[in-house]
Amino acid sequence: MSTKIDIRRLRDVNRLAKAGAETVAEHLTQLTGVQTEMQITKINVLDVEDLGAHLGTERVVGVNVPLLESPHGSVLILFDDDSAKTLAHEMLGSASDDEPGYSEMEQSAIKEVGNIMTSGFIDGWANVLGRTIDISTPQLLRAAGDEIVEHSVESGDHEIALLFDSTLEAPDVNVEATIYTFPNVEEFVDLINSIDHAS
């Protein structure tokens, strides 16, 4: 099977991203009761081997969620500390603080937000494809970006990483996050090439 994506199919990657962002916003709005919007501001494709250097050594907060169905692999959502703290306290309904580290309640809240975002993002893909894509239990990570990649990406079929820079907007809240997907390359190409048939 060819692992090349026809350049004309890049519009379908954009379509998946748009559907994923809209579904994330719907899920968060339903959960919080606060109108939320999510915009994908940029999409990049990187070799997984280059991802550690791309992320660098700054400590970030990540939620990693494996995909149990095609295109398999995993979804990793990364936040800087400010965004992670903001999201945690929005979920908890409390004022944000400047305390270093994260309490157990904050960690639980961030993991839940990451789970909701991943579920919404992948549900958006599934809606475009007319199918389901089940996800596994989320794992919360806080470490240097390159270390998080080592914990999130298994060697083997995940030669590429798709990066979706995104912004979550709600009243008085503006949070930036990057969504990384590490799909099985052949399965992802097959998924993209099937979109017209699945619509």
N, C-alpha and C. Protein backbone atom coordinates (compact mmCIF):
# COMPACT_ATOMS: atom_id res chain seq x y z
N MET A 1 0.85 -1.20 0.00
CA MET A 1 0.00 0.00 0.00
C MET A 1 0.88 1.24 0.00
N SER A 2 0.49 2.22 -0.79
CA SER A 2 1.23 3.48 -0.81
C SER A 2 0.96 4.27 0.46
N THR A 3 2.01 4.91 0.99
CA THR A 3 1.83 5.77 2.16
C THR A 3 1.92 7.24 1.79
N LYS A 4 1.72 7.54 0.52
CA LYS A 4 1.74 8.94 0.07
C LYS A 4 0.31 9.48 0.00
N ILE A 5 0.16 10.71 0.44
CA ILE A 5 -1.14 11.38 0.38
C ILE A 5 -1.15 12.33 -0.81
N ASP A 6 -2.10 12.16 -1.69
CA ASP A 6 -2.29 13.07 -2.81
C ASP A 6 -2.46 14.49 -2.27
N ILE A 7 -1.73 15.45 -2.86
CA ILE A 7 -1.79 16.84 -2.39
C ILE A 7 -3.23 17.35 -2.35
N ARG A 8 -4.07 16.84 -3.25
CA ARG A 8 -5.47 17.27 -3.27
C ARG A 8 -6.23 16.78 -2.05
N ARG A 9 -5.66 15.78 -1.36
CA ARG A 9 -6.31 15.24 -0.17
C ARG A 9 -6.04 16.09 1.08
N LEU A 10 -5.16 17.07 0.99
CA LEU A 10 -4.88 17.90 2.15
C LEU A 10 -6.13 18.65 2.60
N ARG A 11 -7.03 18.91 1.67
CA ARG A 11 -8.30 19.56 2.05
C ARG A 11 -9.09 18.65 2.99
N ASP A 12 -8.90 17.33 2.84
CA ASP A 12 -9.60 16.40 3.72
C ASP A 12 -8.99 16.38 5.12
N VAL A 13 -7.67 16.62 5.22
CA VAL A 13 -7.05 16.76 6.53
C VAL A 13 -7.61 18.00 7.22
N ASN A 14 -7.76 19.09 6.45
CA ASN A 14 -8.37 20.30 6.99
C ASN A 14 -9.81 20.03 7.43
N ARG A 15 -10.49 19.24 6.66
CA ARG A 15 -11.88 18.91 6.99
C ARG A 15 -11.97 18.14 8.30
N LEU A 16 -11.06 17.18 8.49
CA LEU A 16 -11.02 16.44 9.74
C LEU A 16 -10.72 17.38 10.90
N ALA A 17 -9.77 18.29 10.70
CA ALA A 17 -9.40 19.22 11.76
C ALA A 17 -10.57 20.12 12.14
N LYS A 18 -11.28 20.63 11.14
CA LYS A 18 -12.42 21.51 11.40
C LYS A 18 -13.52 20.76 12.14
N ALA A 19 -13.81 19.53 11.69
CA ALA A 19 -14.85 18.73 12.35
C ALA A 19 -14.45 18.41 13.78
N GLY A 20 -13.17 18.10 13.99
CA GLY A 20 -12.69 17.80 15.33
C GLY A 20 -12.82 18.99 16.25
N ALA A 21 -12.43 20.17 15.77
CA ALA A 21 -12.50 21.38 16.58
C ALA A 21 -13.93 21.72 16.96
N GLU A 22 -14.84 21.59 16.01
CA GLU A 22 -16.25 21.89 16.28
C GLU A 22 -16.82 20.94 17.33
N THR A 23 -16.45 19.68 17.25
CA THR A 23 -16.98 18.70 18.21
C THR A 23 -16.39 18.91 19.60
N VAL A 24 -15.10 19.28 19.69
CA VAL A 24 -14.50 19.62 20.99
C VAL A 24 -15.28 20.76 21.64
N ALA A 25 -15.56 21.81 20.87
CA ALA A 25 -16.28 22.96 21.40
C ALA A 25 -17.68 22.56 21.89
N GLU A 26 -18.34 21.71 21.12
CA GLU A 26 -19.68 21.25 21.51
C GLU A 26 -19.62 20.49 22.84
N HIS A 27 -18.64 19.60 22.99
CA HIS A 27 -18.52 18.80 24.21
C HIS A 27 -18.23 19.68 25.42
N LEU A 28 -17.32 20.65 25.26
CA LEU A 28 -16.97 21.52 26.38
C LEU A 28 -18.13 22.44 26.74
N THR A 29 -18.87 22.89 25.73
CA THR A 29 -20.03 23.75 26.00
C THR A 29 -21.08 22.98 26.78
N GLN A 30 -21.33 21.73 26.38
CA GLN A 30 -22.32 20.90 27.09
C GLN A 30 -21.88 20.63 28.52
N LEU A 31 -20.59 20.42 28.72
CA LEU A 31 -20.09 20.08 30.05
C LEU A 31 -20.13 21.28 31.00
N THR A 32 -19.68 22.44 30.50
CA THR A 32 -19.53 23.60 31.38
C THR A 32 -20.73 24.53 31.37
N GLY A 33 -21.57 24.42 30.31
CA GLY A 33 -22.68 25.36 30.18
C GLY A 33 -22.23 26.71 29.68
N VAL A 34 -20.96 26.84 29.32
CA VAL A 34 -20.40 28.10 28.83
C VAL A 34 -20.08 27.93 27.34
N GLN A 35 -20.58 28.85 26.53
CA GLN A 35 -20.34 28.78 25.09
C GLN A 35 -18.84 28.80 24.80
N THR A 36 -18.36 27.76 24.15
CA THR A 36 -16.93 27.62 23.88
C THR A 36 -16.70 27.46 22.38
N GLU A 37 -15.65 28.07 21.89
CA GLU A 37 -15.26 27.90 20.49
C GLU A 37 -13.83 27.39 20.43
N MET A 38 -13.55 26.60 19.42
CA MET A 38 -12.19 26.11 19.22
C MET A 38 -11.79 26.35 17.77
N GLN A 39 -10.65 26.96 17.59
CA GLN A 39 -10.11 27.22 16.26
C GLN A 39 -8.80 26.48 16.07
N ILE A 40 -8.66 25.81 14.93
CA ILE A 40 -7.37 25.24 14.54
C ILE A 40 -6.66 26.31 13.73
N THR A 41 -5.54 26.80 14.26
CA THR A 41 -4.86 27.93 13.61
C THR A 41 -3.78 27.49 12.63
N LYS A 42 -3.27 26.28 12.80
CA LYS A 42 -2.21 25.82 11.90
C LYS A 42 -2.12 24.31 11.95
N ILE A 43 -1.79 23.70 10.81
CA ILE A 43 -1.58 22.25 10.74
C ILE A 43 -0.19 22.01 10.16
N ASN A 44 0.60 21.20 10.83
CA ASN A 44 1.92 20.83 10.34
C ASN A 44 2.08 19.32 10.36
N VAL A 45 2.98 18.84 9.53
CA VAL A 45 3.35 17.42 9.54
C VAL A 45 4.85 17.33 9.80
N LEU A 46 5.23 16.52 10.79
CA LEU A 46 6.64 16.34 11.13
C LEU A 46 6.99 14.86 11.16
N ASP A 47 8.26 14.56 10.90
CA ASP A 47 8.75 13.22 11.18
C ASP A 47 8.79 13.06 12.69
N VAL A 48 8.36 11.91 13.19
CA VAL A 48 8.38 11.67 14.62
C VAL A 48 9.79 11.84 15.19
N GLU A 49 10.80 11.47 14.40
CA GLU A 49 12.19 11.58 14.85
C GLU A 49 12.56 13.03 15.16
N ASP A 50 11.92 13.99 14.50
CA ASP A 50 12.25 15.40 14.69
C ASP A 50 11.42 16.05 15.78
N LEU A 51 10.46 15.31 16.34
CA LEU A 51 9.49 15.93 17.24
C LEU A 51 10.11 16.34 18.57
N GLY A 52 11.03 15.53 19.09
CA GLY A 52 11.67 15.88 20.35
C GLY A 52 12.39 17.22 20.27
N ALA A 53 13.13 17.42 19.16
CA ALA A 53 13.83 18.69 18.97
C ALA A 53 12.83 19.84 18.81
N HIS A 54 11.72 19.56 18.15
CA HIS A 54 10.67 20.58 17.95
C HIS A 54 10.09 21.04 19.28
N LEU A 55 9.87 20.11 20.20
CA LEU A 55 9.25 20.45 21.48
C LEU A 55 10.24 21.02 22.48
N GLY A 56 11.51 20.61 22.41
CA GLY A 56 12.51 21.17 23.29
C GLY A 56 12.43 20.65 24.70
N THR A 57 13.07 21.38 25.63
CA THR A 57 13.25 20.90 27.00
C THR A 57 12.38 21.63 28.01
N GLU A 58 11.55 22.54 27.57
CA GLU A 58 10.68 23.25 28.51
C GLU A 58 9.61 22.30 29.04
N ARG A 59 9.33 22.38 30.35
CA ARG A 59 8.32 21.52 30.96
C ARG A 59 6.93 21.94 30.51
N VAL A 60 6.15 20.96 30.08
CA VAL A 60 4.79 21.21 29.64
C VAL A 60 3.88 20.14 30.27
N VAL A 61 2.59 20.34 30.13
CA VAL A 61 1.61 19.39 30.65
C VAL A 61 0.96 18.69 29.46
N GLY A 62 0.92 17.38 29.48
CA GLY A 62 0.35 16.64 28.37
C GLY A 62 -0.67 15.60 28.82
N VAL A 63 -1.65 15.37 27.96
CA VAL A 63 -2.60 14.28 28.17
C VAL A 63 -2.51 13.39 26.94
N ASN A 64 -2.10 12.15 27.14
CA ASN A 64 -1.91 11.21 26.04
C ASN A 64 -3.01 10.16 26.06
N VAL A 65 -3.66 9.96 24.91
CA VAL A 65 -4.78 9.02 24.82
C VAL A 65 -4.58 8.09 23.62
N PRO A 66 -4.38 6.80 23.85
CA PRO A 66 -4.24 5.85 22.74
C PRO A 66 -5.57 5.66 21.99
N LEU A 67 -5.46 5.41 20.69
CA LEU A 67 -6.62 5.09 19.86
C LEU A 67 -6.71 3.57 19.72
N LEU A 68 -7.89 3.03 19.97
CA LEU A 68 -8.07 1.58 19.95
C LEU A 68 -8.49 1.05 18.59
N GLU A 69 -8.78 1.96 17.66
CA GLU A 69 -9.19 1.56 16.31
C GLU A 69 -8.42 2.39 15.29
N SER A 70 -8.51 2.00 14.03
CA SER A 70 -7.83 2.71 12.95
C SER A 70 -8.17 4.21 13.00
N PRO A 71 -7.16 5.07 12.90
CA PRO A 71 -5.78 4.84 12.47
C PRO A 71 -4.81 4.49 13.59
N HIS A 72 -5.33 4.02 14.73
CA HIS A 72 -4.50 3.60 15.87
C HIS A 72 -3.52 4.71 16.28
N GLY A 73 -2.43 4.32 16.94
CA GLY A 73 -1.52 5.34 17.44
C GLY A 73 -2.11 6.02 18.67
N SER A 74 -1.86 7.31 18.81
CA SER A 74 -2.36 8.04 19.97
C SER A 74 -2.56 9.50 19.64
N VAL A 75 -3.27 10.17 20.55
CA VAL A 75 -3.45 11.62 20.49
C VAL A 75 -2.82 12.21 21.74
N LEU A 76 -2.00 13.22 21.57
CA LEU A 76 -1.34 13.90 22.68
C LEU A 76 -1.73 15.37 22.64
N ILE A 77 -2.28 15.86 23.74
CA ILE A 77 -2.62 17.28 23.83
C ILE A 77 -1.67 17.94 24.82
N LEU A 78 -0.97 18.97 24.37
CA LEU A 78 -0.01 19.66 25.22
C LEU A 78 -0.47 21.07 25.56
N PHE A 79 -0.30 21.44 26.83
CA PHE A 79 -0.60 22.78 27.31
C PHE A 79 0.65 23.35 27.99
N ASP A 80 0.83 24.67 27.90
CA ASP A 80 1.82 25.27 28.79
C ASP A 80 1.19 25.37 30.18
N ASP A 81 2.00 25.71 31.19
CA ASP A 81 1.50 25.70 32.56
C ASP A 81 0.34 26.67 32.76
N ASP A 82 0.42 27.86 32.15
CA ASP A 82 -0.65 28.85 32.34
C ASP A 82 -1.98 28.32 31.80
N SER A 83 -1.93 27.72 30.61
CA SER A 83 -3.17 27.20 30.02
C SER A 83 -3.71 26.03 30.83
N ALA A 84 -2.80 25.16 31.30
CA ALA A 84 -3.24 24.00 32.08
C ALA A 84 -3.91 24.45 33.39
N LYS A 85 -3.29 25.42 34.07
CA LYS A 85 -3.87 25.94 35.31
C LYS A 85 -5.24 26.57 35.06
N THR A 86 -5.32 27.36 33.99
CA THR A 86 -6.59 28.02 33.66
C THR A 86 -7.69 27.00 33.42
N LEU A 87 -7.38 25.97 32.62
CA LEU A 87 -8.38 24.94 32.33
C LEU A 87 -8.80 24.20 33.59
N ALA A 88 -7.82 23.87 34.43
CA ALA A 88 -8.13 23.13 35.65
C ALA A 88 -9.11 23.91 36.52
N HIS A 89 -8.88 25.21 36.68
CA HIS A 89 -9.73 25.98 37.57
C HIS A 89 -11.07 26.34 36.93
N GLU A 90 -11.10 26.37 35.60
CA GLU A 90 -12.40 26.52 34.94
C GLU A 90 -13.26 25.29 35.20
N MET A 91 -12.63 24.11 35.14
CA MET A 91 -13.36 22.87 35.40
C MET A 91 -13.81 22.79 36.85
N LEU A 92 -12.95 23.27 37.76
CA LEU A 92 -13.25 23.18 39.18
C LEU A 92 -14.13 24.33 39.67
N GLY A 93 -14.31 25.35 38.81
CA GLY A 93 -15.14 26.47 39.22
C GLY A 93 -14.49 27.32 40.29
N SER A 94 -13.16 27.39 40.27
CA SER A 94 -12.45 28.18 41.27
C SER A 94 -11.48 29.14 40.60
N ALA A 95 -11.00 30.11 41.35
CA ALA A 95 -10.07 31.08 40.81
C ALA A 95 -8.70 30.43 40.62
N SER A 96 -8.03 30.81 39.53
CA SER A 96 -6.70 30.27 39.26
C SER A 96 -5.71 30.78 40.30
N ASP A 97 -4.63 30.02 40.51
CA ASP A 97 -3.62 30.45 41.48
C ASP A 97 -2.24 30.36 40.85
N ASP A 98 -1.26 30.88 41.57
CA ASP A 98 0.11 30.88 41.07
C ASP A 98 0.97 29.85 41.79
N GLU A 99 0.32 28.91 42.47
CA GLU A 99 1.06 27.89 43.20
C GLU A 99 1.83 26.99 42.23
N PRO A 100 3.09 26.67 42.56
CA PRO A 100 3.83 25.75 41.69
C PRO A 100 3.26 24.34 41.79
N GLY A 101 3.40 23.59 40.72
CA GLY A 101 2.89 22.23 40.73
C GLY A 101 1.37 22.18 40.65
N TYR A 102 0.84 20.97 40.77
CA TYR A 102 -0.59 20.75 40.59
C TYR A 102 -1.11 19.86 41.71
N SER A 103 -2.23 20.27 42.29
CA SER A 103 -2.88 19.44 43.29
C SER A 103 -3.52 18.23 42.60
N GLU A 104 -3.95 17.25 43.41
CA GLU A 104 -4.61 16.07 42.83
C GLU A 104 -5.89 16.47 42.10
N MET A 105 -6.62 17.44 42.67
CA MET A 105 -7.86 17.90 42.01
C MET A 105 -7.54 18.57 40.68
N GLU A 106 -6.48 19.37 40.64
CA GLU A 106 -6.09 20.03 39.39
C GLU A 106 -5.66 18.99 38.36
N GLN A 107 -4.89 18.01 38.79
CA GLN A 107 -4.44 16.96 37.86
C GLN A 107 -5.64 16.21 37.29
N SER A 108 -6.59 15.87 38.15
CA SER A 108 -7.78 15.16 37.70
C SER A 108 -8.57 16.00 36.70
N ALA A 109 -8.67 17.30 36.97
CA ALA A 109 -9.43 18.19 36.08
C ALA A 109 -8.75 18.31 34.72
N ILE A 110 -7.42 18.43 34.71
CA ILE A 110 -6.69 18.54 33.44
C ILE A 110 -6.82 17.26 32.64
N LYS A 111 -6.71 16.12 33.33
CA LYS A 111 -6.86 14.84 32.63
C LYS A 111 -8.25 14.72 32.01
N GLU A 112 -9.28 15.18 32.75
CA GLU A 112 -10.64 15.10 32.23
C GLU A 112 -10.83 16.02 31.03
N VAL A 113 -10.26 17.24 31.09
CA VAL A 113 -10.35 18.15 29.94
C VAL A 113 -9.65 17.53 28.73
N GLY A 114 -8.46 16.95 28.96
CA GLY A 114 -7.74 16.32 27.86
C GLY A 114 -8.52 15.17 27.27
N ASN A 115 -9.19 14.40 28.12
CA ASN A 115 -10.01 13.29 27.66
C ASN A 115 -11.19 13.79 26.83
N ILE A 116 -11.83 14.86 27.31
CA ILE A 116 -12.97 15.45 26.59
C ILE A 116 -12.52 15.99 25.24
N MET A 117 -11.37 16.68 25.23
CA MET A 117 -10.87 17.25 23.98
C MET A 117 -10.50 16.16 22.99
N THR A 118 -9.81 15.10 23.48
CA THR A 118 -9.45 14.01 22.59
C THR A 118 -10.68 13.31 22.04
N SER A 119 -11.63 13.01 22.94
CA SER A 119 -12.86 12.35 22.53
C SER A 119 -13.59 13.19 21.49
N GLY A 120 -13.68 14.49 21.73
CA GLY A 120 -14.36 15.37 20.78
C GLY A 120 -13.64 15.44 19.45
N PHE A 121 -12.32 15.55 19.51
CA PHE A 121 -11.53 15.66 18.28
C PHE A 121 -11.68 14.41 17.43
N ILE A 122 -11.58 13.25 18.08
CA ILE A 122 -11.69 11.99 17.34
C ILE A 122 -13.14 11.73 16.91
N ASP A 123 -14.11 12.14 17.74
CA ASP A 123 -15.52 12.01 17.32
C ASP A 123 -15.79 12.84 16.07
N GLY A 124 -15.14 14.00 15.98
CA GLY A 124 -15.28 14.81 14.77
C GLY A 124 -14.77 14.07 13.55
N TRP A 125 -13.63 13.39 13.71
CA TRP A 125 -13.11 12.57 12.62
C TRP A 125 -14.10 11.46 12.27
N ALA A 126 -14.60 10.80 13.32
CA ALA A 126 -15.51 9.67 13.11
C ALA A 126 -16.78 10.11 12.39
N ASN A 127 -17.26 11.31 12.72
CA ASN A 127 -18.47 11.82 12.05
C ASN A 127 -18.24 12.01 10.56
N VAL A 128 -17.06 12.53 10.21
CA VAL A 128 -16.73 12.72 8.79
C VAL A 128 -16.67 11.37 8.09
N LEU A 129 -16.16 10.36 8.80
CA LEU A 129 -15.95 9.05 8.20
C LEU A 129 -17.16 8.13 8.30
N GLY A 130 -18.15 8.54 9.11
CA GLY A 130 -19.33 7.70 9.28
C GLY A 130 -19.03 6.41 10.00
N ARG A 131 -18.21 6.48 11.06
CA ARG A 131 -17.79 5.28 11.78
C ARG A 131 -17.45 5.67 13.21
N THR A 132 -17.01 4.71 14.02
CA THR A 132 -16.58 5.01 15.38
C THR A 132 -15.07 4.79 15.50
N ILE A 133 -14.46 5.53 16.41
CA ILE A 133 -13.05 5.33 16.73
C ILE A 133 -12.94 5.38 18.26
N ASP A 134 -12.82 4.23 18.88
CA ASP A 134 -12.76 4.18 20.35
C ASP A 134 -11.39 4.61 20.85
N ILE A 135 -11.38 5.22 22.04
CA ILE A 135 -10.13 5.66 22.65
C ILE A 135 -9.94 4.95 23.99
N SER A 136 -8.70 4.95 24.47
CA SER A 136 -8.37 4.29 25.72
C SER A 136 -8.29 5.30 26.87
N THR A 137 -7.78 4.87 28.01
CA THR A 137 -7.70 5.69 29.20
C THR A 137 -6.62 6.76 29.05
N PRO A 138 -6.93 8.02 29.40
CA PRO A 138 -5.94 9.09 29.27
C PRO A 138 -4.83 8.97 30.32
N GLN A 139 -3.64 9.40 29.93
CA GLN A 139 -2.50 9.44 30.84
C GLN A 139 -2.03 10.88 30.95
N LEU A 140 -1.89 11.38 32.19
CA LEU A 140 -1.43 12.75 32.42
C LEU A 140 0.08 12.76 32.59
N LEU A 141 0.75 13.67 31.88
CA LEU A 141 2.21 13.75 31.92
C LEU A 141 2.63 15.20 32.15
N ARG A 142 3.66 15.40 32.94
CA ARG A 142 4.26 16.74 33.07
C ARG A 142 5.77 16.57 33.06
N ALA A 143 6.38 17.02 31.98
CA ALA A 143 7.82 16.82 31.81
C ALA A 143 8.27 17.70 30.66
N ALA A 144 9.55 17.64 30.35
CA ALA A 144 10.05 18.32 29.16
C ALA A 144 9.38 17.74 27.93
N GLY A 145 9.16 18.58 26.94
CA GLY A 145 8.44 18.15 25.74
C GLY A 145 9.05 16.93 25.09
N ASP A 146 10.40 16.90 25.00
CA ASP A 146 11.02 15.76 24.34
C ASP A 146 10.85 14.47 25.15
N GLU A 147 10.78 14.58 26.49
CA GLU A 147 10.55 13.39 27.32
C GLU A 147 9.12 12.88 27.16
N ILE A 148 8.17 13.81 27.04
CA ILE A 148 6.77 13.41 26.86
C ILE A 148 6.61 12.63 25.56
N VAL A 149 7.31 13.05 24.52
CA VAL A 149 7.23 12.34 23.24
C VAL A 149 7.70 10.90 23.41
N GLU A 150 8.79 10.70 24.15
CA GLU A 150 9.32 9.35 24.36
C GLU A 150 8.29 8.45 25.04
N HIS A 151 7.49 9.04 25.94
CA HIS A 151 6.48 8.26 26.66
C HIS A 151 5.20 8.05 25.83
N SER A 152 5.01 8.88 24.81
CA SER A 152 3.73 8.88 24.09
C SER A 152 3.77 8.13 22.76
N VAL A 153 4.94 8.01 22.17
CA VAL A 153 5.04 7.44 20.83
C VAL A 153 5.79 6.12 20.88
N GLU A 154 5.13 5.06 20.48
CA GLU A 154 5.79 3.77 20.38
C GLU A 154 6.51 3.68 19.05
N SER A 155 7.67 3.07 19.06
CA SER A 155 8.40 2.89 17.81
C SER A 155 7.64 1.94 16.91
N GLY A 156 7.84 2.11 15.62
CA GLY A 156 7.16 1.22 14.69
C GLY A 156 6.50 1.97 13.57
N ASP A 157 5.16 1.94 13.58
CA ASP A 157 4.43 2.44 12.41
C ASP A 157 4.19 3.95 12.44
N HIS A 158 4.56 4.63 13.51
CA HIS A 158 4.22 6.05 13.64
C HIS A 158 5.37 6.92 13.18
N GLU A 159 5.51 7.02 11.86
CA GLU A 159 6.63 7.77 11.28
C GLU A 159 6.33 9.26 11.21
N ILE A 160 5.05 9.62 11.25
CA ILE A 160 4.69 11.02 11.14
C ILE A 160 3.90 11.47 12.36
N ALA A 161 3.99 12.76 12.61
CA ALA A 161 3.17 13.40 13.64
C ALA A 161 2.41 14.54 12.97
N LEU A 162 1.10 14.57 13.20
CA LEU A 162 0.29 15.68 12.71
C LEU A 162 0.09 16.65 13.86
N LEU A 163 0.43 17.92 13.64
CA LEU A 163 0.34 18.94 14.68
C LEU A 163 -0.80 19.89 14.35
N PHE A 164 -1.71 20.04 15.30
CA PHE A 164 -2.84 20.97 15.12
C PHE A 164 -2.75 22.04 16.21
N ASP A 165 -2.24 23.21 15.86
CA ASP A 165 -2.21 24.31 16.82
C ASP A 165 -3.63 24.82 16.99
N SER A 166 -4.08 24.95 18.23
CA SER A 166 -5.48 25.31 18.45
C SER A 166 -5.62 26.33 19.57
N THR A 167 -6.73 27.04 19.53
CA THR A 167 -7.06 28.01 20.57
C THR A 167 -8.48 27.74 21.04
N LEU A 168 -8.65 27.61 22.35
CA LEU A 168 -9.97 27.48 22.96
C LEU A 168 -10.39 28.84 23.48
N GLU A 169 -11.58 29.28 23.10
CA GLU A 169 -12.05 30.58 23.54
C GLU A 169 -13.42 30.45 24.21
N ALA A 170 -13.53 31.06 25.38
CA ALA A 170 -14.79 31.17 26.11
C ALA A 170 -14.74 32.51 26.83
N PRO A 171 -15.87 32.99 27.36
CA PRO A 171 -15.85 34.28 28.06
C PRO A 171 -14.77 34.32 29.14
N ASP A 172 -13.89 35.31 29.04
CA ASP A 172 -12.81 35.53 30.01
C ASP A 172 -11.76 34.42 30.02
N VAL A 173 -11.81 33.54 29.04
CA VAL A 173 -10.83 32.45 28.98
C VAL A 173 -10.27 32.35 27.56
N ASN A 174 -8.94 32.25 27.46
CA ASN A 174 -8.31 32.05 26.17
C ASN A 174 -7.14 31.10 26.39
N VAL A 175 -7.29 29.88 25.92
CA VAL A 175 -6.32 28.82 26.21
C VAL A 175 -5.73 28.30 24.90
N GLU A 176 -4.42 28.15 24.89
CA GLU A 176 -3.76 27.58 23.72
C GLU A 176 -3.34 26.14 24.00
N ALA A 177 -3.50 25.31 23.01
CA ALA A 177 -3.11 23.91 23.13
C ALA A 177 -2.64 23.42 21.77
N THR A 178 -1.78 22.44 21.77
CA THR A 178 -1.39 21.79 20.53
C THR A 178 -1.81 20.34 20.60
N ILE A 179 -2.53 19.89 19.57
CA ILE A 179 -2.98 18.51 19.49
C ILE A 179 -2.06 17.77 18.52
N TYR A 180 -1.42 16.75 19.01
CA TYR A 180 -0.54 15.92 18.19
C TYR A 180 -1.21 14.57 17.97
N THR A 181 -1.22 14.10 16.75
CA THR A 181 -1.70 12.74 16.50
C THR A 181 -0.56 11.94 15.88
N PHE A 182 -0.40 10.72 16.36
CA PHE A 182 0.66 9.83 15.90
C PHE A 182 0.00 8.59 15.30
N PRO A 183 -0.52 8.69 14.09
CA PRO A 183 -1.25 7.55 13.53
C PRO A 183 -0.33 6.52 12.89
N ASN A 184 -0.86 5.32 12.75
CA ASN A 184 -0.24 4.35 11.87
C ASN A 184 -0.31 4.94 10.45
N VAL A 185 0.84 5.08 9.81
CA VAL A 185 0.88 5.82 8.54
C VAL A 185 -0.03 5.21 7.49
N GLU A 186 0.08 3.89 7.28
CA GLU A 186 -0.72 3.25 6.23
C GLU A 186 -2.21 3.39 6.53
N GLU A 187 -2.58 3.21 7.79
CA GLU A 187 -3.99 3.31 8.15
C GLU A 187 -4.51 4.73 7.98
N PHE A 188 -3.66 5.71 8.30
CA PHE A 188 -4.09 7.10 8.15
C PHE A 188 -4.29 7.46 6.69
N VAL A 189 -3.36 7.03 5.84
CA VAL A 189 -3.50 7.30 4.41
C VAL A 189 -4.77 6.64 3.87
N ASP A 190 -5.01 5.41 4.31
CA ASP A 190 -6.22 4.70 3.88
C ASP A 190 -7.48 5.45 4.35
N LEU A 191 -7.41 5.97 5.58
CA LEU A 191 -8.53 6.73 6.14
C LEU A 191 -8.79 7.99 5.31
N ILE A 192 -7.73 8.72 4.99
CA ILE A 192 -7.89 9.95 4.20
C ILE A 192 -8.45 9.62 2.81
N ASN A 193 -7.92 8.57 2.21
CA ASN A 193 -8.36 8.21 0.87
C ASN A 193 -9.79 7.68 0.82
N SER A 194 -10.34 7.31 1.98
CA SER A 194 -11.70 6.76 2.02
C SER A 194 -12.75 7.83 2.32
N ILE A 195 -12.33 9.05 2.58
CA ILE A 195 -13.28 10.06 3.06
C ILE A 195 -14.43 10.28 2.09
N ASP A 196 -14.16 10.39 0.81
CA ASP A 196 -15.23 10.64 -0.16
C ASP A 196 -16.27 9.52 -0.11
N HIS A 197 -15.79 8.29 0.12
CA HIS A 197 -16.71 7.15 0.15
C HIS A 197 -17.50 7.10 1.45
N ALA A 198 -16.91 7.67 2.51
CA ALA A 198 -17.57 7.61 3.82
C ALA A 198 -18.53 8.76 4.05
N SER A 199 -18.42 9.81 3.22
CA SER A 199 -19.26 11.00 3.46
C SER A 199 -20.68 10.72 3.09
